[in-house]
Protein backbone atom coordinates (compact mmCIF):
# COMPACT_ATOMS: atom_id res chain seq x y z
CA MET A 1 0.00 0.00 0.00
CA LYS A 2 1.33 3.41 -0.99
CA LYS A 3 2.00 5.78 1.91
CA ARG A 4 0.02 8.99 1.65
CA LYS A 5 1.73 12.34 2.00
CA PRO A 6 0.05 15.23 3.81
CA SER A 7 -1.18 17.94 1.49
CA PHE A 8 -1.51 20.71 4.07
CA LYS A 9 1.62 22.79 4.53
CA CYS A 10 1.29 22.75 8.32
CA ALA A 11 0.96 18.95 8.35
CA ALA A 12 4.51 18.63 7.03
CA ASN A 13 5.95 21.33 9.30
CA PRO A 14 8.20 19.66 11.92
CA ASP A 15 7.75 22.70 14.19
CA VAL A 16 4.14 21.61 14.75
CA ASP A 17 5.32 18.48 16.58
CA GLU A 18 7.67 20.48 18.81
CA LEU A 19 5.00 23.08 19.56
CA SER A 20 2.49 20.35 20.33
CA GLU A 21 4.87 18.73 22.82
CA THR A 22 5.57 22.02 24.58
CA LEU A 23 1.87 22.87 24.72
CA ARG A 24 1.21 19.43 26.21
CA VAL A 25 3.76 20.19 28.95
CA ILE A 26 2.23 23.56 29.85
CA SER A 27 -1.36 22.37 29.54
CA ASP A 28 -1.24 21.08 33.11
CA PRO A 29 -2.84 23.76 35.32
CA ASN A 30 -0.15 23.52 38.02
CA ARG A 31 2.65 23.90 35.48
CA LEU A 32 0.94 26.89 33.92
CA ARG A 33 0.50 28.41 37.39
CA ILE A 34 4.19 27.83 38.13
CA LEU A 35 5.19 29.61 34.92
CA CYS A 36 2.86 32.46 35.83
CA ALA A 37 4.42 32.71 39.30
CA LEU A 38 7.93 32.73 37.85
CA PHE A 39 7.14 35.70 35.62
CA SER A 40 7.59 37.87 38.72
CA GLY A 41 11.07 36.44 39.31
CA GLU A 42 13.07 33.54 40.65
CA LYS A 43 11.40 31.37 43.30
CA CYS A 44 12.52 28.55 45.55
CA VAL A 45 10.50 25.34 45.64
CA CYS A 46 9.11 26.27 49.06
CA GLU A 47 7.69 29.54 47.68
CA ILE A 48 6.02 27.71 44.78
CA GLU A 49 4.68 25.03 47.10
CA GLU A 50 3.25 27.61 49.47
CA GLY A 51 2.00 30.02 46.80
CA LEU A 52 0.13 27.32 44.88
CA ALA A 53 -0.95 25.39 47.99
CA ILE A 54 0.48 22.12 46.65
CA SER A 55 2.80 19.57 48.25
CA GLN A 56 6.57 19.81 47.94
CA PRO A 57 6.82 16.54 45.98
CA LEU A 58 4.14 17.74 43.53
CA ALA A 59 5.84 21.13 43.10
CA SER A 60 9.20 19.40 42.52
CA HIS A 61 7.64 17.00 40.00
CA HIS A 62 6.10 19.81 37.94
CA LEU A 63 9.27 21.90 38.13
CA GLY A 64 11.24 18.88 36.88
CA VAL A 65 8.90 18.48 33.89
CA LEU A 66 9.22 22.19 33.08
CA ARG A 67 13.00 22.01 33.44
CA GLU A 68 13.20 18.95 31.19
CA ALA A 69 11.15 20.86 28.59
CA GLY A 70 13.67 23.70 28.79
CA LEU A 71 11.17 26.23 30.08
CA VAL A 72 12.70 26.77 33.53
CA ALA A 73 16.23 26.74 34.88
CA VAL A 74 17.37 25.72 38.34
CA ARG A 75 20.06 27.28 40.50
CA LYS A 76 21.28 25.44 43.59
CA GLU A 77 22.27 27.34 46.69
CA GLY A 78 23.18 25.08 49.59
CA THR A 79 20.27 22.69 50.00
CA SER A 80 17.79 25.01 48.30
CA SER A 81 16.80 25.04 44.63
CA PHE A 82 15.75 28.26 42.94
CA TYR A 83 13.81 28.23 39.69
CA SER A 84 13.51 30.88 37.01
CA LEU A 85 12.06 31.18 33.53
CA VAL A 86 14.19 30.51 30.48
CA THR A 87 13.06 33.60 28.62
CA GLY A 88 14.60 32.50 25.33
CA ALA A 89 12.55 29.30 25.37
CA LEU A 90 9.36 31.22 26.13
CA LYS A 91 10.07 33.73 23.37
CA ARG A 92 10.68 30.83 20.96
CA LEU A 93 7.41 29.19 22.06
CA ASN A 94 5.53 32.44 21.49
CA ARG A 95 7.16 32.95 18.09
CA GLU A 96 6.41 29.36 17.00
CA PHE A 97 2.81 29.70 18.14
CA GLN A 98 2.46 32.93 16.18
CA GLU A 99 4.10 31.45 13.07
CA ILE A 100 2.10 28.22 13.07
CA LEU A 101 -1.27 29.29 14.43
CA GLY A 102 -0.89 33.01 14.94
CA GLU A 103 -2.94 36.09 14.42
CA GLN A 104 -1.05 37.10 11.27
CA LYS A 105 -2.59 34.14 9.43
CA LEU A 106 -6.04 35.20 10.60
CA LEU A 107 -5.35 38.77 9.54
CA ASP A 108 -4.05 37.65 6.13
CA ARG A 109 -7.10 35.42 5.68
CA SER A 110 -9.46 38.25 6.64
CA LEU A 111 -7.77 40.58 4.17
CA GLU A 112 -8.04 37.96 1.41
CA ARG A 113 -11.76 37.60 2.04
CA GLY A 114 -12.25 41.36 2.14
CA VAL A 115 -10.42 41.84 -1.15
CA SER A 116 -12.18 38.96 -2.88
CA ALA A 117 -15.55 40.26 -1.68
CA GLY A 118 -14.79 43.64 -3.23
CA ARG A 119 -14.36 45.47 0.07
């Protein structure tokens, strides 16, 4: 049987797979809350645990997933771990989202419709 090839441009775009994986990581509400908390600056695990009212093992688990995804960095100081956002990774995520699914495509599509409708 002959293997079919995708005909949609976005179906062949390897960036879609990477974006999908990153979105899967941040789709967990606790992970998204952690990212939101880190936007105000570096936090230790105890601050995240307390601020989100979750257990230390759960906070550490989610921070580990975010770190593995390259979205947060960890800095050790004695026995404490401090987490911060990897701004380059978040900028890349935002850029990929805009390029693949972003508002420019909607704007371009709206303009095409307006022009073709004689507006």
